[in-house]
Amino acid sequence: MFPVDLDGVVEVLVAREVPGGAWRGGAATETGAGVLAEVLAGGVFAAARHVGPYDQIPLTASAVLAWCGERRLVALEVREVYVSDPAVTAPDRLVTDVLVRFEAEE
């Protein structure tokens, strides 16, 4: 069902917005406790909005990756943007944007 071979190690990155003055010059910066701050790469993305429990996000990610595969787009990474606050939102109403960055056609 999943259109990508995930055998082996899969790197997982967690991101959050940083206040304007907190970023230092665009280079990766060690912030302590094993946390590395860096700017996420921009590019061309395919996206879908997932509404529902977090444990069902892979279904949405799989659909976006399949869409990319059908168009012979090479997926570079998958990002999840958590829009809702799970502390105050029912699991079936959680909103998450799923973005797949892919190689731009030249």
Foldseek 3Di string as FASTA:
>chain_A
DAPDDPPDDDDDDDDDDDPPVPDDDQDWDDPDPPDIDHDDDDADKDKDKDAAAPVCVVVVVRVRVVVCVVVVWAWDDKDKDFPDDPVPDDRRGTIIMIITHTDDDD
